[in-house]
């Protein structure tokens, strides 16, 4: 019994040493970043979760917010959070997000930023914003995919 307890103790100690750690990398040699941006993140331990592109399409495959970019951003980020939760993760676990916007312009960027400030934590993931000509459906104006690293 004593050997079992010792082995169990070693196992638990070993598991805790592999806990998720994220190092936020923003080199001084790089231009200063706007609030809400990170140059790189080094993640160790934990489990990696790859989140497929989420769009403003509901469970009946109907487009939400046709012609309404604000509604589409809201629905897309809501779906993204749902997928994260299903993987026992949160936006705080995000390492990288890619955001694709059809016909990107200053108005759409302002709307996106309005929602992103509540979507990402004070330690934001690495992100890339890409303006595209079209997505898989002519009425969809945004798609977001990402990578998370969680201990759950």
C-alpha atoms as a PDB file:
ATOM      1  CA  UNK A   1       0.000   0.000   0.000  1.00  0.00           C
ATOM      2  CA  UNK A   2       2.834   2.365   0.875  1.00  0.00           C
ATOM      3  CA  UNK A   3       4.435   1.741  -2.545  1.00  0.00           C
ATOM      4  CA  UNK A   4       1.129   2.516  -4.266  1.00  0.00           C
ATOM      5  CA  UNK A   5       0.729   5.788  -2.351  1.00  0.00           C
ATOM      6  CA  UNK A   6       4.312   6.793  -3.137  1.00  0.00           C
ATOM      7  CA  UNK A   7       3.816   5.989  -6.838  1.00  0.00           C
ATOM      8  CA  UNK A   8       0.526   7.910  -6.885  1.00  0.00           C
ATOM      9  CA  UNK A   9       2.194  10.891  -5.223  1.00  0.00           C
ATOM     10  CA  UNK A  10       4.989  10.885  -7.810  1.00  0.00           C
ATOM     11  CA  UNK A  11       2.476  10.619 -10.614  1.00  0.00           C
ATOM     12  CA  UNK A  12       0.439  13.575  -9.337  1.00  0.00           C
ATOM     13  CA  UNK A  13       3.585  15.650  -8.852  1.00  0.00           C
ATOM     14  CA  UNK A  14       4.698  14.808 -12.373  1.00  0.00           C
ATOM     15  CA  UNK A  15       1.337  15.764 -13.847  1.00  0.00           C
ATOM     16  CA  UNK A  16       1.353  19.168 -12.179  1.00  0.00           C
ATOM     17  CA  UNK A  17       4.753  19.944 -13.667  1.00  0.00           C
ATOM     18  CA  UNK A  18       3.206  19.620 -17.134  1.00  0.00           C
ATOM     19  CA  UNK A  19       0.581  22.251 -16.426  1.00  0.00           C
ATOM     20  CA  UNK A  20      -0.160  24.724 -19.166  1.00  0.00           C
ATOM     21  CA  UNK A  21       2.147  27.706 -19.328  1.00  0.00           C
ATOM     22  CA  UNK A  22       1.993  30.566 -21.784  1.00  0.00           C
ATOM     23  CA  UNK A  23       4.830  32.987 -22.356  1.00  0.00           C
ATOM     24  CA  UNK A  24       3.770  36.214 -24.099  1.00  0.00           C
ATOM     25  CA  UNK A  25       6.519  37.417 -26.415  1.00  0.00           C
ATOM     26  CA  UNK A  26       6.630  41.065 -27.479  1.00  0.00           C
ATOM     27  CA  UNK A  27      10.263  41.882 -28.369  1.00  0.00           C
ATOM     28  CA  UNK A  28      11.460  45.415 -27.632  1.00  0.00           C
ATOM     29  CA  UNK A  29      12.967  45.527 -31.125  1.00  0.00           C
ATOM     30  CA  UNK A  30       9.463  45.404 -32.629  1.00  0.00           C
ATOM     31  CA  UNK A  31       7.228  48.460 -33.049  1.00  0.00           C
ATOM     32  CA  UNK A  32       4.926  49.054 -30.071  1.00  0.00           C
ATOM     33  CA  UNK A  33       1.675  47.113 -30.263  1.00  0.00           C
ATOM     34  CA  UNK A  34      -1.797  48.509 -29.873  1.00  0.00           C
ATOM     35  CA  UNK A  35      -3.671  47.322 -26.793  1.00  0.00           C
ATOM     36  CA  UNK A  36      -5.138  43.899 -27.440  1.00  0.00           C
ATOM     37  CA  UNK A  37      -2.316  42.525 -29.602  1.00  0.00           C
ATOM     38  CA  UNK A  38       0.518  40.060 -28.971  1.00  0.00           C
ATOM     39  CA  UNK A  39       3.450  39.217 -31.281  1.00  0.00           C
ATOM     40  CA  UNK A  40       3.882  35.577 -30.212  1.00  0.00           C
ATOM     41  CA  UNK A  41       2.939  33.085 -27.521  1.00  0.00           C
ATOM     42  CA  UNK A  42       4.985  30.071 -26.502  1.00  0.00           C
ATOM     43  CA  UNK A  43       2.685  27.427 -25.002  1.00  0.00           C
ATOM     44  CA  UNK A  44       3.904  24.386 -23.122  1.00  0.00           C
ATOM     45  CA  UNK A  45       1.999  21.634 -21.385  1.00  0.00           C
ATOM     46  CA  UNK A  46      -1.741  21.350 -21.602  1.00  0.00           C
ATOM     47  CA  UNK A  47      -3.816  20.169 -24.543  1.00  0.00           C
ATOM     48  CA  UNK A  48      -4.002  21.854 -27.910  1.00  0.00           C
ATOM     49  CA  UNK A  49      -7.457  22.512 -29.346  1.00  0.00           C
ATOM     50  CA  UNK A  50      -7.864  23.518 -32.992  1.00  0.00           C
ATOM     51  CA  UNK A  51     -11.086  25.451 -33.598  1.00  0.00           C
ATOM     52  CA  UNK A  52     -12.453  25.259 -37.135  1.00  0.00           C
ATOM     53  CA  UNK A  53     -13.732  28.362 -38.861  1.00  0.00           C
ATOM     54  CA  UNK A  54     -16.889  29.618 -37.189  1.00  0.00           C
ATOM     55  CA  UNK A  55     -19.409  31.653 -39.147  1.00  0.00           C
ATOM     56  CA  UNK A  56     -22.789  33.263 -38.449  1.00  0.00           C
ATOM     57  CA  UNK A  57     -24.760  30.190 -39.528  1.00  0.00           C
ATOM     58  CA  UNK A  58     -27.201  28.641 -37.050  1.00  0.00           C
ATOM     59  CA  UNK A  59     -27.869  24.953 -36.333  1.00  0.00           C
ATOM     60  CA  UNK A  60     -30.412  24.869 -39.201  1.00  0.00           C
ATOM     61  CA  UNK A  61     -27.674  26.102 -41.557  1.00  0.00           C
ATOM     62  CA  UNK A  62     -29.417  29.455 -41.911  1.00  0.00           C
ATOM     63  CA  UNK A  63     -27.378  32.643 -42.201  1.00  0.00           C
ATOM     64  CA  UNK A  64     -27.773  34.971 -39.237  1.00  0.00           C
ATOM     65  CA  UNK A  65     -27.688  38.706 -39.873  1.00  0.00           C
ATOM     66  CA  UNK A  66     -27.777  38.733 -43.665  1.00  0.00           C
ATOM     67  CA  UNK A  67     -26.333  42.140 -44.608  1.00  0.00           C
ATOM     68  CA  UNK A  68     -25.791  43.033 -40.909  1.00  0.00           C
ATOM     69  CA  UNK A  69     -22.081  42.808 -40.084  1.00  0.00           C
ATOM     70  CA  UNK A  70     -22.659  43.646 -36.408  1.00  0.00           C
ATOM     71  CA  UNK A  71     -25.072  40.703 -35.994  1.00  0.00           C
ATOM     72  CA  UNK A  72     -22.716  38.398 -37.874  1.00  0.00           C
ATOM     73  CA  UNK A  73     -19.741  39.239 -35.649  1.00  0.00           C
ATOM     74  CA  UNK A  74     -21.833  38.722 -32.509  1.00  0.00           C
ATOM     75  CA  UNK A  75     -23.141  35.308 -33.684  1.00  0.00           C
ATOM     76  CA  UNK A  76     -19.738  34.136 -34.926  1.00  0.00           C
ATOM     77  CA  UNK A  77     -17.985  34.935 -31.632  1.00  0.00           C
ATOM     78  CA  UNK A  78     -20.868  33.343 -29.700  1.00  0.00           C
ATOM     79  CA  UNK A  79     -20.428  30.128 -31.696  1.00  0.00           C
ATOM     80  CA  UNK A  80     -16.670  30.284 -31.188  1.00  0.00           C
ATOM     81  CA  UNK A  81     -17.169  30.458 -27.396  1.00  0.00           C
ATOM     82  CA  UNK A  82     -19.586  27.505 -27.603  1.00  0.00           C
ATOM     83  CA  UNK A  83     -16.964  25.382 -29.364  1.00  0.00           C
ATOM     84  CA  UNK A  84     -14.317  26.408 -26.825  1.00  0.00           C
ATOM     85  CA  UNK A  85     -16.641  25.477 -23.954  1.00  0.00           C
ATOM     86  CA  UNK A  86     -17.298  22.066 -25.519  1.00  0.00           C
ATOM     87  CA  UNK A  87     -13.528  21.522 -25.402  1.00  0.00           C
ATOM     88  CA  UNK A  88     -13.410  22.675 -21.747  1.00  0.00           C
ATOM     89  CA  UNK A  89     -11.624  25.859 -22.805  1.00  0.00           C
ATOM     90  CA  UNK A  90     -12.279  29.597 -22.661  1.00  0.00           C
ATOM     91  CA  UNK A  91     -11.062  32.598 -24.614  1.00  0.00           C
ATOM     92  CA  UNK A  92      -8.292  32.928 -21.987  1.00  0.00           C
ATOM     93  CA  UNK A  93      -6.878  29.659 -23.376  1.00  0.00           C
ATOM     94  CA  UNK A  94      -6.594  30.998 -26.918  1.00  0.00           C
ATOM     95  CA  UNK A  95      -3.135  31.016 -28.464  1.00  0.00           C
ATOM     96  CA  UNK A  96      -4.004  32.139 -32.013  1.00  0.00           C
ATOM     97  CA  UNK A  97      -7.033  33.416 -33.896  1.00  0.00           C
ATOM     98  CA  UNK A  98      -7.481  34.165 -37.575  1.00  0.00           C
ATOM     99  CA  UNK A  99     -10.272  36.495 -38.623  1.00  0.00           C
ATOM    100  CA  UNK A 100     -11.454  36.647 -42.215  1.00  0.00           C
ATOM    101  CA  UNK A 101     -13.685  39.570 -43.269  1.00  0.00           C
ATOM    102  CA  UNK A 102     -15.261  40.076 -46.668  1.00  0.00           C
ATOM    103  CA  UNK A 103     -14.627  43.572 -48.081  1.00  0.00           C
ATOM    104  CA  UNK A 104     -12.750  44.732 -44.995  1.00  0.00           C
ATOM    105  CA  UNK A 105     -13.084  48.468 -44.327  1.00  0.00           C
ATOM    106  CA  UNK A 106     -12.813  50.921 -41.417  1.00  0.00           C
ATOM    107  CA  UNK A 107     -16.485  50.544 -40.403  1.00  0.00           C
ATOM    108  CA  UNK A 108     -16.247  46.750 -40.218  1.00  0.00           C
ATOM    109  CA  UNK A 109     -12.968  47.015 -38.325  1.00  0.00           C
ATOM    110  CA  UNK A 110     -14.585  49.311 -35.738  1.00  0.00           C
ATOM    111  CA  UNK A 111     -17.460  46.844 -35.244  1.00  0.00           C
ATOM    112  CA  UNK A 112     -15.047  43.914 -34.905  1.00  0.00           C
ATOM    113  CA  UNK A 113     -12.931  45.762 -32.327  1.00  0.00           C
ATOM    114  CA  UNK A 114     -16.062  46.586 -30.318  1.00  0.00           C
ATOM    115  CA  UNK A 115     -16.705  42.869 -29.820  1.00  0.00           C
ATOM    116  CA  UNK A 116     -13.102  41.701 -29.575  1.00  0.00           C
ATOM    117  CA  UNK A 117     -12.430  43.881 -26.518  1.00  0.00           C
ATOM    118  CA  UNK A 118     -14.879  41.697 -24.574  1.00  0.00           C
ATOM    119  CA  UNK A 119     -13.914  38.480 -26.381  1.00  0.00           C
ATOM    120  CA  UNK A 120     -10.196  38.373 -25.603  1.00  0.00           C
ATOM    121  CA  UNK A 121      -8.586  38.741 -22.198  1.00  0.00           C
ATOM    122  CA  UNK A 122      -6.051  41.316 -21.107  1.00  0.00           C
ATOM    123  CA  UNK A 123      -3.466  38.823 -22.430  1.00  0.00           C
ATOM    124  CA  UNK A 124      -4.759  38.450 -25.999  1.00  0.00           C
ATOM    125  CA  UNK A 125      -3.906  35.615 -28.352  1.00  0.00           C
ATOM    126  CA  UNK A 126      -1.741  36.110 -31.396  1.00  0.00           C
ATOM    127  CA  UNK A 127      -4.085  37.190 -34.176  1.00  0.00           C
ATOM    128  CA  UNK A 128      -4.226  37.777 -37.894  1.00  0.00           C
ATOM    129  CA  UNK A 129      -6.909  39.815 -39.645  1.00  0.00           C
ATOM    130  CA  UNK A 130      -7.380  39.031 -43.313  1.00  0.00           C
ATOM    131  CA  UNK A 131      -9.571  40.913 -45.760  1.00  0.00           C
ATOM    132  CA  UNK A 132     -10.998  38.515 -48.340  1.00  0.00           C
ATOM    133  CA  UNK A 133     -13.065  38.813 -51.479  1.00  0.00           C
ATOM    134  CA  UNK A 134     -15.551  36.104 -50.465  1.00  0.00           C
ATOM    135  CA  UNK A 135     -16.151  33.213 -48.082  1.00  0.00           C
ATOM    136  CA  UNK A 136     -17.992  29.921 -48.650  1.00  0.00           C
ATOM    137  CA  UNK A 137     -21.416  31.603 -48.797  1.00  0.00           C
ATOM    138  CA  UNK A 138     -22.147  34.932 -50.489  1.00  0.00           C
ATOM    139  CA  UNK A 139     -24.063  36.239 -47.429  1.00  0.00           C
ATOM    140  CA  UNK A 140     -21.394  35.383 -44.831  1.00  0.00           C
ATOM    141  CA  UNK A 141     -19.102  38.340 -44.070  1.00  0.00           C
ATOM    142  CA  UNK A 142     -16.902  36.905 -41.278  1.00  0.00           C
ATOM    143  CA  UNK A 143     -15.184  33.673 -40.289  1.00  0.00           C
ATOM    144  CA  UNK A 144     -12.994  33.066 -37.234  1.00  0.00           C
ATOM    145  CA  UNK A 145     -10.773  30.053 -36.510  1.00  0.00           C
ATOM    146  CA  UNK A 146      -8.209  29.518 -33.813  1.00  0.00           C
ATOM    147  CA  UNK A 147      -5.958  27.445 -31.612  1.00  0.00           C
ATOM    148  CA  UNK A 148      -6.301  27.084 -27.831  1.00  0.00           C
ATOM    149  CA  UNK A 149      -4.105  25.403 -25.237  1.00  0.00           C
ATOM    150  CA  UNK A 150      -5.854  24.172 -22.114  1.00  0.00           C
ATOM    151  CA  UNK A 151      -5.132  21.933 -19.131  1.00  0.00           C
ATOM    152  CA  UNK A 152      -8.679  20.524 -19.229  1.00  0.00           C
END
